[in-house]
Protein backbone atom coordinates (compact mmCIF):
# COMPACT_ATOMS: atom_id res chain seq x y z
CA UNK A 1 0.00 0.00 0.00
CA UNK A 2 2.87 2.38 0.86
CA UNK A 3 4.55 1.67 -2.51
CA UNK A 4 1.34 2.38 -4.40
CA UNK A 5 0.91 5.67 -2.51
CA UNK A 6 4.53 6.66 -3.18
CA UNK A 7 4.27 5.94 -6.91
CA UNK A 8 0.97 7.84 -7.10
CA UNK A 9 2.52 10.91 -5.48
CA UNK A 10 5.63 10.69 -7.69
CA UNK A 11 3.70 10.46 -10.96
CA UNK A 12 1.29 13.16 -9.80
CA UNK A 13 4.20 15.51 -9.12
CA UNK A 14 5.80 14.56 -12.47
CA UNK A 15 2.62 15.39 -14.37
CA UNK A 16 2.18 18.64 -12.44
CA UNK A 17 5.69 19.87 -13.18
CA UNK A 18 5.71 18.59 -16.74
CA UNK A 19 2.55 20.49 -17.58
CA UNK A 20 3.49 23.75 -15.84
CA UNK A 21 2.81 26.89 -17.86
CA UNK A 22 6.12 28.80 -17.72
CA UNK A 23 4.37 32.02 -18.76
CA UNK A 24 2.76 32.02 -15.33
CA UNK A 25 6.07 31.64 -13.49
CA UNK A 26 6.45 34.73 -11.26
CA UNK A 27 10.26 34.42 -11.20
CA UNK A 28 11.90 36.51 -13.99
CA UNK A 29 14.56 34.95 -16.17
CA UNK A 30 18.16 36.14 -16.16
CA UNK A 31 18.81 39.09 -18.46
CA UNK A 32 22.13 40.22 -19.97
CA UNK A 33 24.06 42.90 -18.12
CA UNK A 34 27.21 44.99 -18.33
CA UNK A 35 29.70 46.28 -15.79
CA UNK A 36 32.85 48.37 -15.97
CA UNK A 37 36.38 48.57 -14.64
CA UNK A 38 37.84 52.01 -13.91
CA UNK A 39 41.53 52.48 -13.13
CA UNK A 40 44.29 55.07 -12.70
CA UNK A 41 45.91 55.15 -16.13
CA UNK A 42 49.39 56.06 -14.89
CA UNK A 43 49.78 52.75 -13.06
CA UNK A 44 50.58 49.70 -15.17
CA UNK A 45 48.03 46.94 -15.47
CA UNK A 46 48.92 43.74 -13.64
CA UNK A 47 49.23 40.48 -15.52
CA UNK A 48 46.18 38.26 -15.92
CA UNK A 49 45.76 36.06 -12.89
CA UNK A 50 47.45 38.52 -10.55
CA UNK A 51 45.61 38.90 -7.28
CA UNK A 52 46.22 42.63 -6.73
CA UNK A 53 44.92 45.55 -8.77
CA UNK A 54 47.30 48.42 -8.00
CA UNK A 55 45.78 50.62 -10.69
CA UNK A 56 42.42 50.58 -8.89
CA UNK A 57 43.57 50.93 -5.27
CA UNK A 58 42.17 53.83 -3.21
CA UNK A 59 44.55 56.83 -3.25
CA UNK A 60 46.88 55.11 -5.71
CA UNK A 61 47.26 58.46 -7.49
CA UNK A 62 46.22 61.77 -5.90
CA UNK A 63 45.81 65.44 -6.71
CA UNK A 64 48.86 67.51 -5.63
CA UNK A 65 48.57 70.16 -2.94
CA UNK A 66 50.24 72.88 -5.01
CA UNK A 67 50.10 74.01 -8.64
CA UNK A 68 46.73 72.30 -9.00
CA UNK A 69 45.77 74.26 -12.12
CA UNK A 70 48.45 72.34 -14.02
CA UNK A 71 47.51 68.95 -12.55
CA UNK A 72 45.24 66.21 -13.80
CA UNK A 73 44.17 62.70 -12.88
CA UNK A 74 44.67 60.38 -15.86
CA UNK A 75 42.05 57.63 -15.89
CA UNK A 76 40.65 54.96 -18.12
CA UNK A 77 37.60 52.76 -18.08
CA UNK A 78 36.36 49.75 -20.01
CA UNK A 79 32.92 48.25 -20.18
CA UNK A 80 32.48 44.49 -20.01
CA UNK A 81 29.71 42.32 -21.41
CA UNK A 82 30.43 38.78 -20.29
CA UNK A 83 28.00 37.18 -22.75
CA UNK A 84 28.63 39.71 -25.57
CA UNK A 85 24.90 40.46 -25.80
CA UNK A 86 25.04 44.19 -25.03
CA UNK A 87 27.04 47.12 -26.38
CA UNK A 88 27.75 50.26 -24.37
CA UNK A 89 27.60 53.49 -26.40
CA UNK A 90 27.76 56.06 -23.60
CA UNK A 91 29.47 56.26 -20.22
CA UNK A 92 28.63 58.99 -17.72
CA UNK A 93 31.30 59.65 -15.11
CA UNK A 94 30.32 61.19 -11.77
CA UNK A 95 32.37 62.74 -8.96
CA UNK A 96 31.41 63.17 -5.32
CA UNK A 97 33.55 65.45 -3.17
CA UNK A 98 33.84 64.71 0.55
CA UNK A 99 35.02 67.55 2.77
CA UNK A 100 36.30 66.91 6.28
CA UNK A 101 35.78 69.47 9.02
CA UNK A 102 35.13 69.80 12.75
CA UNK A 103 31.70 70.84 13.97
CA UNK A 104 31.01 73.50 16.61
CA UNK A 105 31.74 70.96 19.35
CA UNK A 106 35.02 69.85 17.80
CA UNK A 107 33.67 66.54 16.53
CA UNK A 108 35.16 65.29 13.24
CA UNK A 109 32.65 65.36 10.38
CA UNK A 110 32.63 64.57 6.69
CA UNK A 111 30.27 66.38 4.33
CA UNK A 112 29.26 64.66 1.10
CA UNK A 113 28.63 67.26 -1.60
CA UNK A 114 26.77 64.76 -3.77
CA UNK A 115 27.70 62.94 -6.97
CA UNK A 116 27.71 65.22 -10.02
CA UNK A 117 28.25 64.48 -13.70
CA UNK A 118 31.79 65.46 -14.69
CA UNK A 119 32.42 63.61 -17.97
CA UNK A 120 30.34 62.03 -20.72
CA UNK A 121 32.26 59.48 -22.78
CA UNK A 122 31.32 57.98 -26.13
CA UNK A 123 33.48 54.86 -26.13
CA UNK A 124 34.55 53.99 -29.64
CA UNK A 125 36.33 50.97 -28.22
CA UNK A 126 34.60 47.61 -28.10
CA UNK A 127 33.92 45.16 -25.31
CA UNK A 128 36.76 45.08 -22.73
CA UNK A 129 38.72 47.85 -24.45
CA UNK A 130 39.90 51.03 -22.72
CA UNK A 131 38.60 54.57 -23.10
CA UNK A 132 40.98 57.17 -21.64
CA UNK A 133 40.08 60.53 -20.09
CA UNK A 134 41.31 62.98 -17.45
CA UNK A 135 39.83 64.91 -14.51
CA UNK A 136 41.52 68.07 -13.27
CA UNK A 137 41.27 69.94 -9.97
CA UNK A 138 39.77 72.82 -11.95
CA UNK A 139 37.04 70.46 -13.23
CA UNK A 140 36.20 69.54 -9.64
CA UNK A 141 36.21 73.16 -8.50
CA UNK A 142 33.85 74.16 -11.31
CA UNK A 143 31.39 71.44 -10.23
CA UNK A 144 31.35 72.26 -6.53
CA UNK A 145 32.22 75.97 -6.29
CA UNK A 146 28.64 76.80 -5.28
CA UNK A 147 28.14 73.80 -2.95
CA UNK A 148 27.31 74.68 0.65
CA UNK A 149 27.61 72.98 4.05
CA UNK A 150 25.98 73.93 7.35
CA UNK A 151 29.15 73.70 9.40
CA UNK A 152 27.46 75.05 12.51
CA UNK A 153 24.31 73.03 11.88
CA UNK A 154 22.32 76.12 10.88
CA UNK A 155 23.97 78.47 8.41
CA UNK A 156 24.88 77.32 4.89
CA UNK A 157 28.37 78.39 3.85
CA UNK A 158 30.02 77.80 0.49
CA UNK A 159 32.64 75.09 0.82
CA UNK A 160 35.27 77.13 -1.01
CA UNK A 161 34.55 80.14 1.23
CA UNK A 162 34.70 78.30 4.56
CA UNK A 163 36.86 80.56 6.79
CA UNK A 164 37.95 77.59 8.89
CA UNK A 165 39.62 76.01 5.84
CA UNK A 166 40.64 78.89 3.58
CA UNK A 167 41.20 77.97 -0.05
CA UNK A 168 43.13 80.04 -2.56
CA UNK A 169 43.51 79.89 -6.32
CA UNK A 170 46.00 77.22 -7.28
CA UNK A 171 45.35 75.38 -4.00
CA UNK A 172 41.57 75.09 -3.78
CA UNK A 173 41.61 71.39 -2.90
CA UNK A 174 43.10 70.72 0.53
CA UNK A 175 45.17 67.97 2.07
CA UNK A 176 45.09 66.81 5.69
CA UNK A 177 45.83 69.47 8.28
CA UNK A 178 44.61 71.10 11.47
CA UNK A 179 41.73 73.48 12.19
CA UNK A 180 41.63 75.08 15.63
CA UNK A 181 44.33 72.60 16.71
CA UNK A 182 42.16 69.66 15.65
CA UNK A 183 43.09 67.28 12.83
CA UNK A 184 41.06 67.21 9.63
CA UNK A 185 41.40 64.80 6.73
CA UNK A 186 42.14 65.76 3.14
CA UNK A 187 39.43 66.43 0.61
CA UNK A 188 38.37 63.15 -0.95
CA UNK A 189 36.92 62.40 -4.38
CA UNK A 190 34.84 59.35 -5.32
CA UNK A 191 34.34 58.59 -9.00
CA UNK A 192 31.41 56.42 -10.12
CA UNK A 193 29.83 55.75 -13.50
CA UNK A 194 26.63 54.97 -15.38
CA UNK A 195 26.55 52.79 -18.51
CA UNK A 196 24.12 53.19 -21.42
CA UNK A 197 23.64 50.47 -24.05
CA UNK A 198 22.48 50.59 -27.66
CA UNK A 199 19.37 48.66 -26.54
CA UNK A 200 18.29 51.60 -24.37
CA UNK A 201 19.28 49.97 -21.07
CA UNK A 202 20.96 51.91 -18.27
CA UNK A 203 23.22 50.38 -15.61
CA UNK A 204 24.23 52.38 -12.53
CA UNK A 205 23.95 49.93 -9.61
CA UNK A 206 25.75 46.61 -9.26
CA UNK A 207 26.03 43.84 -6.71
CA UNK A 208 28.35 45.04 -3.95
CA UNK A 209 30.09 41.68 -3.48
CA UNK A 210 30.54 40.14 -6.92
CA UNK A 211 31.03 43.37 -8.90
CA UNK A 212 31.95 46.27 -6.61
CA UNK A 213 34.11 44.05 -4.43
CA UNK A 214 35.17 41.70 -7.23
CA UNK A 215 37.19 39.01 -5.38
CA UNK A 216 38.62 37.30 -8.46
CA UNK A 217 42.23 37.69 -9.68
CA UNK A 218 42.86 40.40 -12.28
CA UNK A 219 41.55 39.51 -15.74
CA UNK A 220 39.85 41.00 -18.78
CA UNK A 221 36.56 40.55 -16.92
CA UNK A 222 37.63 42.49 -13.80
CA UNK A 223 35.10 44.86 -12.28
CA UNK A 224 34.68 47.66 -9.77
CA UNK A 225 32.11 50.36 -9.06
CA UNK A 226 34.20 53.36 -8.03
CA UNK A 227 37.64 54.94 -7.72
CA UNK A 228 38.71 57.12 -4.81
CA UNK A 229 41.56 59.58 -4.38
CA UNK A 230 42.53 62.51 -2.23
CA UNK A 231 45.03 65.41 -2.03
CA UNK A 232 48.63 64.77 -1.01
C-alpha cells in the first residue's frame, strides 16, 4: 500500500511539473548585463591572474597640494559584457567630493557634496577595451564651487569660502591638516559611472560583493564600481 501511494505521489508531481505553464512563473529569467572597470591610467596593469589591482587601489594616485591648475588625474575605463549580448555606447562619469571638518563641538565630520556628472564618454572601443580621459582639480572646482555645508548646523556656507579652511587659487583642494588645533582629513573624491547600451538599457547599480568588491584575480573581466583619491 505504501509503494502504491509513493508511486501515485511521484507520478502526480511529475505530471504537475511537466505540464506547468512557464508564462505564469512569477520568477523573472536572467537578463544580460554589463559592468565596468575604472583604473588610474598612470599605473601599469597587472598580468592576468594577478591577485592585486594596484591601478584601482584607493589613493593610488592623488591630486597635488600645489600648482593644481596644471595637474590632472589620468584615468581609463572599459565596459564588459560577459556574454557579448550588449554594447555600451555612452558612459557617464560622476564625482562626489567629501570635505572633512570639525563641527562646533570639535567633533570630526565629513560632508558629502553629492555625486555630479563630470564627464560624458562615447566609447569607440569595443567590449573590454579602454577609453581614456582625465579629470583636473579645476574640473572639480567648477562642479562644486557653489556647494554649501551647514558647518554650525544652521547656516549654509560655500565650501570654497569656509573661513575655517581657507582655499586660494592654485590650491583650492586641501590635504590633511589642522583646524583650531584639531586634525582634519584631506578632501576626498569618489568617482562612479553609469553605462548606457544601444538597446536603451541603463546600468548604474551593481552587486556590492561580486562586482563592486570583485574578489577574483585580475583579468579582462575584472570589475569595480568606483575609484577614490585625495590630495597629497
